[in-house]
Structures are given as C-alpha cells and as structure tokens.
Amino acid sequence: MPASHQVAPFTRRTNSGDISMKRVLGGMVMAAALSGSGFAADLGAHTYAKTPVIAATVNAWSGWYAGLNAGGVWGQADPGASVLNGPDGYFFAGNVPAVNAVAQNQSRLKPSGATIGGQVGYNWQFSNVVAGFETDVQYFRQSARTSSTGIYPFNAPDTFTFSSSVSTDWLWTFRPRIGVLLLPSFLLYATGGVAVSEMKANFAFDDTFETHAHESGAFSKTKAGWVVGAGGEYALHNGWSVKAEYLHLDFGSESITSNNLVFGGTSFPSTVFTHSVNLRSDIVRAGVNYHF
C-alpha cells in the first residue's frame, strides 16, 4: 500500500491536462511491467525498503504577502484638567478646590467604532518557526464624549460642568511577527511594534452662574505609541490564507493649556486651564492574504 502524505500549504490545484498526462504515463509503466514479468521470475526474491513519506514543501510560508482586513475597535480614555486661578481670576477662592476636584476626576471616555484597511508583509520560515514583519494602514474611526458636573460650594445651587471628547480617524502600524506552525497549514503568532494615529480632543468648561462662564480648548495631533497582539493564520489552496487577530494599542497622553474664559463679555486671562487625555485602544479583526 503506498504511504500517505500531507498536502503542503498554498498548494495549487491540478488541471485536467495534468490528469490526462498522468494516465498516459501510468499506462506505459504498466505495459513495461507486464512485458518484463518473465525476466523478473528468473530473479531471486528481493527485500524492498518502505517508501518514504513525502515531506511538506520546505519554506512554504516564506516570501511576500498582501491582503485586506476589517473589524471592530473599542478603547478607554481618561480626561483630566486643572485650574490655576490668578489674582484677577474668575473663581472665588473658596470654589477653586471643588472645581479642581471635578476637573481631575471626570468620567472615563469609552470610544468605539470600526476599522478596515490593508496589510503587506514578509515571512521567513525556519522549519516550524515563521518570523517576519507586517505593516498596515487602516481607517480607524472611534469616538466618545463625556461630561462631569459639580456644585459651587460658595455659590450653591449654581453648577459647573467639564466636557471632554476624543476621536481618531486613521491608523498605521509596523510590527515584527514571530510564530510556530502547529500544523503545516496553521500558524499561531505574536506581534508587536509601533502604532501611529491622529488623536483629536475637545474640551470645555461652562457654569450656570448668571450669564454663564465659558472656556474651551482643542487639539489634533499625530501620536506615536506601541502595539502588541496575537493571531492565527490558516493557509488555503492557490496562495490564499485567512487570519484573525487581536491588537492592543497605547498612544499615551496629550495636554493643552488655555486662558480664554469669558463671563458676561469679560475675559479672565489669569484663570488658566490645563486639559489632558490619554488613549488606549483594542482591535479584533479578520483578514485575508495572498502569498506571492
């Protein structure tokens, strides 16, 4: 009985022309075997070694690949602020501690959204270990808004509110990858590297005292951070593979300072606000690759 063997990953399908040629060659071999049977009978019995199992194609995962992916994104962002009230500032001195307490303990932002994009990478295969790198560019839309309100201790029942929002629109990563082949067709890998996105944030302060005081700040800044994750990739026929992966990203924090508080048409430049926010995101996505 011929020994069985496992089909290597990315194997191309056989066409009908190949099948016909194999049948012709098989017939020729059979005819030669029958015509030589008399000669074989004159020979003594021989012992034959077992036919070796055909190994999977070496370095089947090596080379360039490219593909598309899509998935969901969710994250966390912690807004904060502090107020420095100058000698001609807006706030009554007794209210400043309460204002800062709310400013520094605002409600957590929980941005979420969707991501879709493409990736390009290269693999080197060493036995059952596959190492390489991958870079991707994504539509990376997530956003959230929150607000926190307090009461002026010395001007109750008047209240004040801090509002914050954060969002992103795009993402670029560059990540080395390393993994092991649990099967010739299934790669389990870990990845990590640099992540870059444009973080946007808006902040505002308002109160209900008489004609309402108002202050605002905003920034839009390209932020570099780090990314780590893991995934699995399964090889199909004809050079294609499918994958699923999880990524965790951290873009750190960013801050902005403003002194544009206005109350009843009067500015208070000696009252200085410092707003800040950080951003961490998680991605779960699926994709498809073509291996060249």
C-alpha atoms as a PDB file:
ATOM      1  CA  MET A   1       0.000   0.000   0.000  1.00  0.00           C
ATOM      2  CA  PRO A   2       1.522   3.424  -0.915  1.00  0.00           C
ATOM      3  CA  ALA A   3       2.409   5.633   2.025  1.00  0.00           C
ATOM      4  CA  SER A   4       0.097   8.599   2.645  1.00  0.00           C
ATOM      5  CA  HIS A   5       1.374  12.184   2.740  1.00  0.00           C
ATOM      6  CA  GLN A   6       0.031  15.600   3.791  1.00  0.00           C
ATOM      7  CA  VAL A   7      -0.625  18.293   1.208  1.00  0.00           C
ATOM      8  CA  ALA A   8       1.627  21.308   1.700  1.00  0.00           C
ATOM      9  CA  PRO A   9       0.088  24.738   2.370  1.00  0.00           C
ATOM     10  CA  PHE A  10      -0.630  27.048  -0.598  1.00  0.00           C
ATOM     11  CA  THR A  11      -0.663  24.004  -2.988  1.00  0.00           C
ATOM     12  CA  ARG A  12      -2.043  24.848  -6.454  1.00  0.00           C
ATOM     13  CA  ARG A  13      -4.919  22.751  -7.807  1.00  0.00           C
ATOM     14  CA  THR A  14      -4.196  20.149 -10.588  1.00  0.00           C
ATOM     15  CA  ASN A  15      -5.812  20.803 -14.011  1.00  0.00           C
ATOM     16  CA  SER A  16      -7.363  18.233 -16.401  1.00  0.00           C
ATOM     17  CA  GLY A  17      -4.286  18.271 -18.696  1.00  0.00           C
ATOM     18  CA  ASP A  18      -2.108  17.066 -15.839  1.00  0.00           C
ATOM     19  CA  ILE A  19      -4.549  14.223 -15.102  1.00  0.00           C
ATOM     20  CA  SER A  20      -4.501  13.016 -18.757  1.00  0.00           C
ATOM     21  CA  MET A  21      -0.709  13.033 -18.898  1.00  0.00           C
ATOM     22  CA  LYS A  22      -0.552  11.028 -15.660  1.00  0.00           C
ATOM     23  CA  ARG A  23      -2.902   8.400 -17.148  1.00  0.00           C
ATOM     24  CA  VAL A  24      -0.733   8.027 -20.287  1.00  0.00           C
ATOM     25  CA  LEU A  25       2.439   7.661 -18.250  1.00  0.00           C
ATOM     26  CA  GLY A  26       0.709   5.186 -15.942  1.00  0.00           C
ATOM     27  CA  GLY A  27      -0.284   3.004 -18.915  1.00  0.00           C
ATOM     28  CA  MET A  28       3.261   2.968 -20.264  1.00  0.00           C
ATOM     29  CA  VAL A  29       4.614   1.910 -16.873  1.00  0.00           C
ATOM     30  CA  MET A  30       2.029  -0.899 -16.599  1.00  0.00           C
ATOM     31  CA  ALA A  31       2.910  -2.242 -20.071  1.00  0.00           C
ATOM     32  CA  ALA A  32       6.592  -2.250 -19.275  1.00  0.00           C
ATOM     33  CA  ALA A  33       5.926  -4.104 -16.034  1.00  0.00           C
ATOM     34  CA  LEU A  34       3.911  -6.857 -17.760  1.00  0.00           C
ATOM     35  CA  SER A  35       6.459  -7.396 -20.563  1.00  0.00           C
ATOM     36  CA  GLY A  36       9.239  -7.793 -18.046  1.00  0.00           C
ATOM     37  CA  SER A  37       7.438 -10.240 -15.778  1.00  0.00           C
ATOM     38  CA  GLY A  38       9.192 -13.282 -17.312  1.00  0.00           C
ATOM     39  CA  PHE A  39      12.593 -11.772 -16.697  1.00  0.00           C
ATOM     40  CA  ALA A  40      11.632 -10.876 -13.148  1.00  0.00           C
ATOM     41  CA  ALA A  41      10.613 -14.506 -12.490  1.00  0.00           C
ATOM     42  CA  ASP A  42      14.209 -15.628 -13.112  1.00  0.00           C
ATOM     43  CA  LEU A  43      15.486 -13.386 -10.358  1.00  0.00           C
ATOM     44  CA  GLY A  44      15.516 -14.308  -6.713  1.00  0.00           C
ATOM     45  CA  ALA A  45      13.248 -12.656  -4.158  1.00  0.00           C
ATOM     46  CA  HIS A  46      14.303  -9.188  -3.095  1.00  0.00           C
ATOM     47  CA  THR A  47      13.644  -7.151   0.062  1.00  0.00           C
ATOM     48  CA  TYR A  48      12.459  -3.575  -0.535  1.00  0.00           C
ATOM     49  CA  ALA A  49      12.671  -0.626   1.864  1.00  0.00           C
ATOM     50  CA  LYS A  50       9.432   1.115   2.855  1.00  0.00           C
ATOM     51  CA  THR A  51       8.570   4.039   0.583  1.00  0.00           C
ATOM     52  CA  PRO A  52       9.381   7.271   2.462  1.00  0.00           C
ATOM     53  CA  VAL A  53       6.612   9.738   3.306  1.00  0.00           C
ATOM     54  CA  ILE A  54       6.770  12.823   1.102  1.00  0.00           C
ATOM     55  CA  ALA A  55       7.515  15.851   3.322  1.00  0.00           C
ATOM     56  CA  ALA A  56       5.603  19.115   3.121  1.00  0.00           C
ATOM     57  CA  THR A  57       7.112  21.767   0.878  1.00  0.00           C
ATOM     58  CA  VAL A  58      10.061  23.432   2.617  1.00  0.00           C
ATOM     59  CA  ASN A  59       9.685  27.171   3.254  1.00  0.00           C
ATOM     60  CA  ALA A  60       6.080  27.216   2.016  1.00  0.00           C
ATOM     61  CA  TRP A  61       5.369  30.275   4.212  1.00  0.00           C
ATOM     62  CA  SER A  62       8.434  32.269   3.087  1.00  0.00           C
ATOM     63  CA  GLY A  63       8.009  35.339   0.896  1.00  0.00           C
ATOM     64  CA  TRP A  64       5.872  38.423   0.381  1.00  0.00           C
ATOM     65  CA  TYR A  65       2.135  38.608   1.043  1.00  0.00           C
ATOM     66  CA  ALA A  66      -0.584  41.282   0.953  1.00  0.00           C
ATOM     67  CA  GLY A  67      -4.239  41.426   1.910  1.00  0.00           C
ATOM     68  CA  LEU A  68      -7.250  43.158   3.438  1.00  0.00           C
ATOM     69  CA  ASN A  69      -8.790  43.193   6.916  1.00  0.00           C
ATOM     70  CA  ALA A  70     -11.814  44.538   8.812  1.00  0.00           C
ATOM     71  CA  GLY A  71     -13.038  44.525  12.395  1.00  0.00           C
ATOM     72  CA  GLY A  72     -14.116  46.477  15.447  1.00  0.00           C
ATOM     73  CA  VAL A  73     -12.294  48.839  17.830  1.00  0.00           C
ATOM     74  CA  TRP A  74     -13.030  49.927  21.380  1.00  0.00           C
ATOM     75  CA  GLY A  75     -10.944  51.744  23.948  1.00  0.00           C
ATOM     76  CA  GLN A  76     -10.518  53.826  27.081  1.00  0.00           C
ATOM     77  CA  ALA A  77      -9.550  57.460  27.601  1.00  0.00           C
ATOM     78  CA  ASP A  78      -9.219  59.303  30.900  1.00  0.00           C
ATOM     79  CA  PRO A  79      -9.772  63.070  30.567  1.00  0.00           C
ATOM     80  CA  GLY A  80      -8.480  65.425  33.227  1.00  0.00           C
ATOM     81  CA  ALA A  81      -7.998  69.123  33.875  1.00  0.00           C
ATOM     82  CA  SER A  82      -6.603  71.537  36.414  1.00  0.00           C
ATOM     83  CA  VAL A  83      -7.376  75.211  37.071  1.00  0.00           C
ATOM     84  CA  LEU A  84      -4.915  77.873  38.179  1.00  0.00           C
ATOM     85  CA  ASN A  85      -6.821  80.943  39.387  1.00  0.00           C
ATOM     86  CA  GLY A  86      -4.704  84.134  39.240  1.00  0.00           C
ATOM     87  CA  PRO A  87      -5.143  87.240  41.423  1.00  0.00           C
ATOM     88  CA  ASP A  88      -7.702  88.654  38.974  1.00  0.00           C
ATOM     89  CA  GLY A  89      -9.199  85.269  38.211  1.00  0.00           C
ATOM     90  CA  TYR A  90     -12.804  84.357  37.640  1.00  0.00           C
ATOM     91  CA  PHE A  91     -13.305  81.952  40.537  1.00  0.00           C
ATOM     92  CA  PHE A  92     -13.971  82.846  44.141  1.00  0.00           C
ATOM     93  CA  ALA A  93     -11.061  81.345  46.089  1.00  0.00           C
ATOM     94  CA  GLY A  94     -13.312  79.073  48.144  1.00  0.00           C
ATOM     95  CA  ASN A  95     -14.719  77.450  44.998  1.00  0.00           C
ATOM     96  CA  VAL A  96     -11.355  76.525  43.417  1.00  0.00           C
ATOM     97  CA  PRO A  97     -10.829  73.222  45.333  1.00  0.00           C
ATOM     98  CA  ALA A  98     -14.272  71.952  44.275  1.00  0.00           C
ATOM     99  CA  VAL A  99     -13.664  72.990  40.662  1.00  0.00           C
ATOM    100  CA  ASN A 100     -10.317  71.170  40.582  1.00  0.00           C
ATOM    101  CA  ALA A 101     -11.765  68.053  42.211  1.00  0.00           C
ATOM    102  CA  VAL A 102     -14.301  67.650  39.390  1.00  0.00           C
ATOM    103  CA  ALA A 103     -11.742  68.682  36.748  1.00  0.00           C
ATOM    104  CA  GLN A 104      -9.318  65.956  37.828  1.00  0.00           C
ATOM    105  CA  ASN A 105     -11.933  63.205  38.202  1.00  0.00           C
ATOM    106  CA  GLN A 106     -14.002  63.390  35.051  1.00  0.00           C
ATOM    107  CA  SER A 107     -15.977  60.433  33.781  1.00  0.00           C
ATOM    108  CA  ARG A 108     -13.989  57.940  31.694  1.00  0.00           C
ATOM    109  CA  LEU A 109     -14.376  58.051  27.927  1.00  0.00           C
ATOM    110  CA  LYS A 110     -15.126  54.751  26.142  1.00  0.00           C
ATOM    111  CA  PRO A 111     -14.603  55.321  22.410  1.00  0.00           C
ATOM    112  CA  SER A 112     -15.656  52.615  19.963  1.00  0.00           C
ATOM    113  CA  GLY A 113     -16.084  52.168  16.233  1.00  0.00           C
ATOM    114  CA  ALA A 114     -14.849  50.214  13.220  1.00  0.00           C
ATOM    115  CA  THR A 115     -11.616  49.619  11.343  1.00  0.00           C
ATOM    116  CA  ILE A 116     -10.904  48.476   7.777  1.00  0.00           C
ATOM    117  CA  GLY A 117      -7.687  48.501   5.780  1.00  0.00           C
ATOM    118  CA  GLY A 118      -4.900  46.586   4.116  1.00  0.00           C
ATOM    119  CA  GLN A 119      -1.591  44.981   5.067  1.00  0.00           C
ATOM    120  CA  VAL A 120       1.687  43.969   3.423  1.00  0.00           C
ATOM    121  CA  GLY A 121       4.295  41.684   4.969  1.00  0.00           C
ATOM    122  CA  TYR A 122       7.186  39.271   4.504  1.00  0.00           C
ATOM    123  CA  ASN A 123       7.890  35.890   6.136  1.00  0.00           C
ATOM    124  CA  TRP A 124      10.978  33.750   6.665  1.00  0.00           C
ATOM    125  CA  GLN A 125      10.330  30.086   7.529  1.00  0.00           C
ATOM    126  CA  PHE A 126      12.835  28.095   9.625  1.00  0.00           C
ATOM    127  CA  SER A 127      11.484  24.565   9.989  1.00  0.00           C
ATOM    128  CA  ASN A 128       8.266  25.067  12.003  1.00  0.00           C
ATOM    129  CA  VAL A 129       9.116  28.658  13.036  1.00  0.00           C
ATOM    130  CA  VAL A 130       7.931  31.595  10.912  1.00  0.00           C
ATOM    131  CA  ALA A 131       9.322  35.109  11.509  1.00  0.00           C
ATOM    132  CA  GLY A 132       8.750  38.306   9.581  1.00  0.00           C
ATOM    133  CA  PHE A 133       7.213  41.767   9.607  1.00  0.00           C
ATOM    134  CA  GLU A 134       3.919  43.368   8.669  1.00  0.00           C
ATOM    135  CA  THR A 135       2.768  46.951   8.070  1.00  0.00           C
ATOM    136  CA  ASP A 136      -0.827  48.084   7.699  1.00  0.00           C
ATOM    137  CA  VAL A 137      -2.839  51.254   7.019  1.00  0.00           C
ATOM    138  CA  GLN A 138      -6.357  51.487   8.425  1.00  0.00           C
ATOM    139  CA  TYR A 139      -9.496  53.552   8.515  1.00  0.00           C
ATOM    140  CA  PHE A 140      -9.645  53.702  12.323  1.00  0.00           C
ATOM    141  CA  ARG A 141     -12.799  55.507  13.426  1.00  0.00           C
ATOM    142  CA  GLN A 142     -13.606  55.688  17.137  1.00  0.00           C
ATOM    143  CA  SER A 143     -15.104  58.488  19.216  1.00  0.00           C
ATOM    144  CA  ALA A 144     -16.716  59.264  22.580  1.00  0.00           C
ATOM    145  CA  ARG A 145     -17.889  62.250  24.624  1.00  0.00           C
ATOM    146  CA  THR A 146     -18.465  62.704  28.359  1.00  0.00           C
ATOM    147  CA  SER A 147     -19.132  65.389  30.963  1.00  0.00           C
ATOM    148  CA  SER A 148     -18.877  65.799  34.734  1.00  0.00           C
ATOM    149  CA  THR A 149     -20.776  68.345  36.845  1.00  0.00           C
ATOM    150  CA  GLY A 150     -20.222  69.843  40.319  1.00  0.00           C
ATOM    151  CA  ILE A 151     -21.810  72.455  42.607  1.00  0.00           C
ATOM    152  CA  TYR A 152     -20.070  75.676  43.661  1.00  0.00           C
ATOM    153  CA  PRO A 153     -19.721  75.390  47.466  1.00  0.00           C
ATOM    154  CA  PHE A 154     -19.986  79.149  47.956  1.00  0.00           C
ATOM    155  CA  ASN A 155     -22.493  79.812  45.178  1.00  0.00           C
ATOM    156  CA  ALA A 156     -24.963  76.934  45.508  1.00  0.00           C
ATOM    157  CA  PRO A 157     -27.146  75.899  43.771  1.00  0.00           C
ATOM    158  CA  ASP A 158     -25.149  77.113  40.739  1.00  0.00           C
ATOM    159  CA  THR A 159     -23.248  74.304  38.989  1.00  0.00           C
ATOM    160  CA  PHE A 160     -20.264  73.975  36.667  1.00  0.00           C
ATOM    161  CA  THR A 161     -19.506  71.323  34.024  1.00  0.00           C
ATOM    162  CA  PHE A 162     -16.374  69.973  32.344  1.00  0.00           C
ATOM    163  CA  SER A 163     -16.940  68.334  28.934  1.00  0.00           C
ATOM    164  CA  SER A 164     -14.416  66.213  27.010  1.00  0.00           C
ATOM    165  CA  SER A 165     -14.344  64.229  23.772  1.00  0.00           C
ATOM    166  CA  VAL A 166     -11.751  62.170  21.908  1.00  0.00           C
ATOM    167  CA  SER A 167     -11.656  60.609  18.424  1.00  0.00           C
ATOM    168  CA  THR A 168      -9.374  59.068  15.768  1.00  0.00           C
ATOM    169  CA  ASP A 169      -9.725  58.576  12.007  1.00  0.00           C
ATOM    170  CA  TRP A 170      -6.710  56.575  10.776  1.00  0.00           C
ATOM    171  CA  LEU A 171      -4.015  54.171  11.962  1.00  0.00           C
ATOM    172  CA  TRP A 172      -0.616  52.956  10.727  1.00  0.00           C
ATOM    173  CA  THR A 173       1.400  50.182  12.361  1.00  0.00           C
ATOM    174  CA  PHE A 174       4.723  48.464  11.715  1.00  0.00           C
ATOM    175  CA  ARG A 175       5.067  45.164  13.572  1.00  0.00           C
ATOM    176  CA  PRO A 176       7.563  42.284  13.582  1.00  0.00           C
ATOM    177  CA  ARG A 177       5.828  38.871  13.795  1.00  0.00           C
ATOM    178  CA  ILE A 178       7.019  35.503  15.059  1.00  0.00           C
ATOM    179  CA  GLY A 179       5.079  32.282  15.308  1.00  0.00           C
ATOM    180  CA  VAL A 180       5.055  28.494  15.218  1.00  0.00           C
ATOM    181  CA  LEU A 181       3.360  26.103  12.809  1.00  0.00           C
ATOM    182  CA  LEU A 182       1.019  23.934  14.873  1.00  0.00           C
ATOM    183  CA  LEU A 183       0.173  22.281  11.540  1.00  0.00           C
ATOM    184  CA  PRO A 184       1.848  22.815   8.144  1.00  0.00           C
ATOM    185  CA  SER A 185      -1.186  24.945   7.260  1.00  0.00           C
ATOM    186  CA  PHE A 186      -1.799  26.724  10.588  1.00  0.00           C
ATOM    187  CA  LEU A 187       0.414  29.477  12.008  1.00  0.00           C
ATOM    188  CA  LEU A 188      -0.021  30.817  15.544  1.00  0.00           C
ATOM    189  CA  TYR A 189       1.900  34.085  16.040  1.00  0.00           C
ATOM    190  CA  ALA A 190       2.660  37.029  18.342  1.00  0.00           C
ATOM    191  CA  THR A 191       3.299  40.545  17.082  1.00  0.00           C
ATOM    192  CA  GLY A 192       4.279  43.975  18.394  1.00  0.00           C
ATOM    193  CA  GLY A 193       5.745  47.270  17.292  1.00  0.00           C
ATOM    194  CA  VAL A 194       4.929  50.923  16.670  1.00  0.00           C
ATOM    195  CA  ALA A 195       1.464  52.433  16.116  1.00  0.00           C
ATOM    196  CA  VAL A 196       0.710  55.944  14.827  1.00  0.00           C
ATOM    197  CA  SER A 197      -2.636  57.751  14.731  1.00  0.00           C
ATOM    198  CA  GLU A 198      -4.050  61.282  14.792  1.00  0.00           C
ATOM    199  CA  MET A 199      -5.666  61.845  18.186  1.00  0.00           C
ATOM    200  CA  LYS A 200      -8.297  64.595  18.311  1.00  0.00           C
ATOM    201  CA  ALA A 201      -9.758  66.050  21.514  1.00  0.00           C
ATOM    202  CA  ASN A 202     -12.123  68.846  22.513  1.00  0.00           C
ATOM    203  CA  PHE A 203     -12.629  70.300  25.989  1.00  0.00           C
ATOM    204  CA  ALA A 204     -14.978  72.888  27.507  1.00  0.00           C
ATOM    205  CA  PHE A 205     -15.938  74.468  30.838  1.00  0.00           C
ATOM    206  CA  ASP A 206     -19.364  76.021  31.463  1.00  0.00           C
ATOM    207  CA  ASP A 207     -21.323  77.106  34.503  1.00  0.00           C
ATOM    208  CA  THR A 208     -24.850  78.220  35.347  1.00  0.00           C
ATOM    209  CA  PHE A 209     -23.833  81.354  37.264  1.00  0.00           C
ATOM    210  CA  GLU A 210     -25.793  84.350  35.948  1.00  0.00           C
ATOM    211  CA  THR A 211     -24.659  84.906  32.313  1.00  0.00           C
ATOM    212  CA  HIS A 212     -22.643  81.675  32.186  1.00  0.00           C
ATOM    213  CA  ALA A 213     -18.865  81.491  32.027  1.00  0.00           C
ATOM    214  CA  HIS A 214     -17.331  79.530  29.159  1.00  0.00           C
ATOM    215  CA  GLU A 215     -13.845  78.224  28.315  1.00  0.00           C
ATOM    216  CA  SER A 216     -12.682  75.788  25.623  1.00  0.00           C
ATOM    217  CA  GLY A 217      -9.621  74.020  24.262  1.00  0.00           C
ATOM    218  CA  ALA A 218      -8.860  71.533  21.476  1.00  0.00           C
ATOM    219  CA  PHE A 219      -6.015  69.761  19.726  1.00  0.00           C
ATOM    220  CA  SER A 220      -5.446  67.433  16.786  1.00  0.00           C
ATOM    221  CA  LYS A 221      -2.044  65.770  16.946  1.00  0.00           C
ATOM    222  CA  THR A 222      -0.283  62.840  15.303  1.00  0.00           C
ATOM    223  CA  LYS A 223       0.656  60.495  18.140  1.00  0.00           C
ATOM    224  CA  ALA A 224       3.108  57.579  18.101  1.00  0.00           C
ATOM    225  CA  GLY A 225       2.544  54.731  20.527  1.00  0.00           C
ATOM    226  CA  TRP A 226       3.051  50.993  20.810  1.00  0.00           C
ATOM    227  CA  VAL A 227       1.042  47.926  19.834  1.00  0.00           C
ATOM    228  CA  VAL A 228       1.133  44.246  20.874  1.00  0.00           C
ATOM    229  CA  GLY A 229      -1.082  41.354  19.886  1.00  0.00           C
ATOM    230  CA  ALA A 230      -1.525  37.782  18.721  1.00  0.00           C
ATOM    231  CA  GLY A 231      -3.322  35.897  15.996  1.00  0.00           C
ATOM    232  CA  GLY A 232      -3.702  32.799  13.885  1.00  0.00           C
ATOM    233  CA  GLU A 233      -3.411  32.309  10.116  1.00  0.00           C
ATOM    234  CA  TYR A 234      -4.619  29.309   8.089  1.00  0.00           C
ATOM    235  CA  ALA A 235      -3.223  28.511   4.624  1.00  0.00           C
ATOM    236  CA  LEU A 236      -5.636  27.630   1.814  1.00  0.00           C
ATOM    237  CA  HIS A 237      -5.032  26.467  -1.762  1.00  0.00           C
ATOM    238  CA  ASN A 238      -3.690  28.668  -4.560  1.00  0.00           C
ATOM    239  CA  GLY A 239      -1.662  31.020  -2.349  1.00  0.00           C
ATOM    240  CA  TRP A 240      -4.511  32.319  -0.169  1.00  0.00           C
ATOM    241  CA  SER A 241      -4.775  32.361   3.623  1.00  0.00           C
ATOM    242  CA  VAL A 242      -7.258  33.655   6.199  1.00  0.00           C
ATOM    243  CA  LYS A 243      -6.397  35.139   9.591  1.00  0.00           C
ATOM    244  CA  ALA A 244      -7.880  36.531  12.803  1.00  0.00           C
ATOM    245  CA  GLU A 245      -6.016  38.676  15.323  1.00  0.00           C
ATOM    246  CA  TYR A 246      -6.249  40.868  18.422  1.00  0.00           C
ATOM    247  CA  LEU A 247      -4.199  44.054  18.911  1.00  0.00           C
ATOM    248  CA  HIS A 248      -3.809  46.333  21.951  1.00  0.00           C
ATOM    249  CA  LEU A 249      -2.600  49.902  21.311  1.00  0.00           C
ATOM    250  CA  ASP A 250      -1.450  52.649  23.688  1.00  0.00           C
ATOM    251  CA  PHE A 251      -0.952  56.214  22.430  1.00  0.00           C
ATOM    252  CA  GLY A 252      -0.044  57.814  25.768  1.00  0.00           C
ATOM    253  CA  SER A 253      -1.422  61.215  26.814  1.00  0.00           C
ATOM    254  CA  GLU A 254      -1.574  64.735  25.397  1.00  0.00           C
ATOM    255  CA  SER A 255      -2.448  68.090  27.013  1.00  0.00           C
ATOM    256  CA  ILE A 256      -3.348  71.666  26.095  1.00  0.00           C
ATOM    257  CA  THR A 257      -3.433  74.914  28.081  1.00  0.00           C
ATOM    258  CA  SER A 258      -5.918  77.758  27.597  1.00  0.00           C
ATOM    259  CA  ASN A 259      -6.801  81.079  29.291  1.00  0.00           C
ATOM    260  CA  ASN A 260      -9.819  82.085  27.209  1.00  0.00           C
ATOM    261  CA  LEU A 261     -12.527  82.006  29.891  1.00  0.00           C
ATOM    262  CA  VAL A 262     -15.203  84.646  29.231  1.00  0.00           C
ATOM    263  CA  PHE A 263     -18.019  85.720  31.560  1.00  0.00           C
ATOM    264  CA  GLY A 264     -20.595  88.297  30.532  1.00  0.00           C
ATOM    265  CA  GLY A 265     -18.346  89.661  27.810  1.00  0.00           C
ATOM    266  CA  THR A 266     -15.358  89.986  30.177  1.00  0.00           C
ATOM    267  CA  SER A 267     -12.203  87.901  29.709  1.00  0.00           C
ATOM    268  CA  PHE A 268     -10.226  86.423  32.603  1.00  0.00           C
ATOM    269  CA  PRO A 269      -6.763  85.594  31.172  1.00  0.00           C
ATOM    270  CA  SER A 270      -5.281  84.954  34.627  1.00  0.00           C
ATOM    271  CA  THR A 271      -7.549  81.897  35.056  1.00  0.00           C
ATOM    272  CA  VAL A 272      -5.589  79.154  33.302  1.00  0.00           C
ATOM    273  CA  PHE A 273      -6.987  75.715  32.376  1.00  0.00           C
ATOM    274  CA  THR A 274      -4.821  72.694  31.533  1.00  0.00           C
ATOM    275  CA  HIS A 275      -6.736  69.869  29.826  1.00  0.00           C
ATOM    276  CA  SER A 276      -5.345  66.387  29.141  1.00  0.00           C
ATOM    277  CA  VAL A 277      -6.436  62.983  27.868  1.00  0.00           C
ATOM    278  CA  ASN A 278      -4.825  59.599  27.208  1.00  0.00           C
ATOM    279  CA  LEU A 279      -5.945  56.877  24.794  1.00  0.00           C
ATOM    280  CA  ARG A 280      -5.745  53.087  24.741  1.00  0.00           C
ATOM    281  CA  SER A 281      -7.478  51.003  22.080  1.00  0.00           C
ATOM    282  CA  ASP A 282      -8.239  47.353  21.357  1.00  0.00           C
ATOM    283  CA  ILE A 283      -8.842  45.840  17.914  1.00  0.00           C
ATOM    284  CA  VAL A 284     -10.334  42.493  16.928  1.00  0.00           C
ATOM    285  CA  ARG A 285     -10.233  41.900  13.174  1.00  0.00           C
ATOM    286  CA  ALA A 286     -10.272  39.221  10.488  1.00  0.00           C
ATOM    287  CA  GLY A 287      -8.449  39.283   7.185  1.00  0.00           C
ATOM    288  CA  VAL A 288      -7.349  37.523   4.023  1.00  0.00           C
ATOM    289  CA  ASN A 289      -3.840  37.374   2.493  1.00  0.00           C
ATOM    290  CA  TYR A 290      -2.401  36.362  -0.862  1.00  0.00           C
ATOM    291  CA  HIS A 291       1.141  34.888  -0.718  1.00  0.00           C
ATOM    292  CA  PHE A 292       3.241  35.653  -3.794  1.00  0.00           C
END
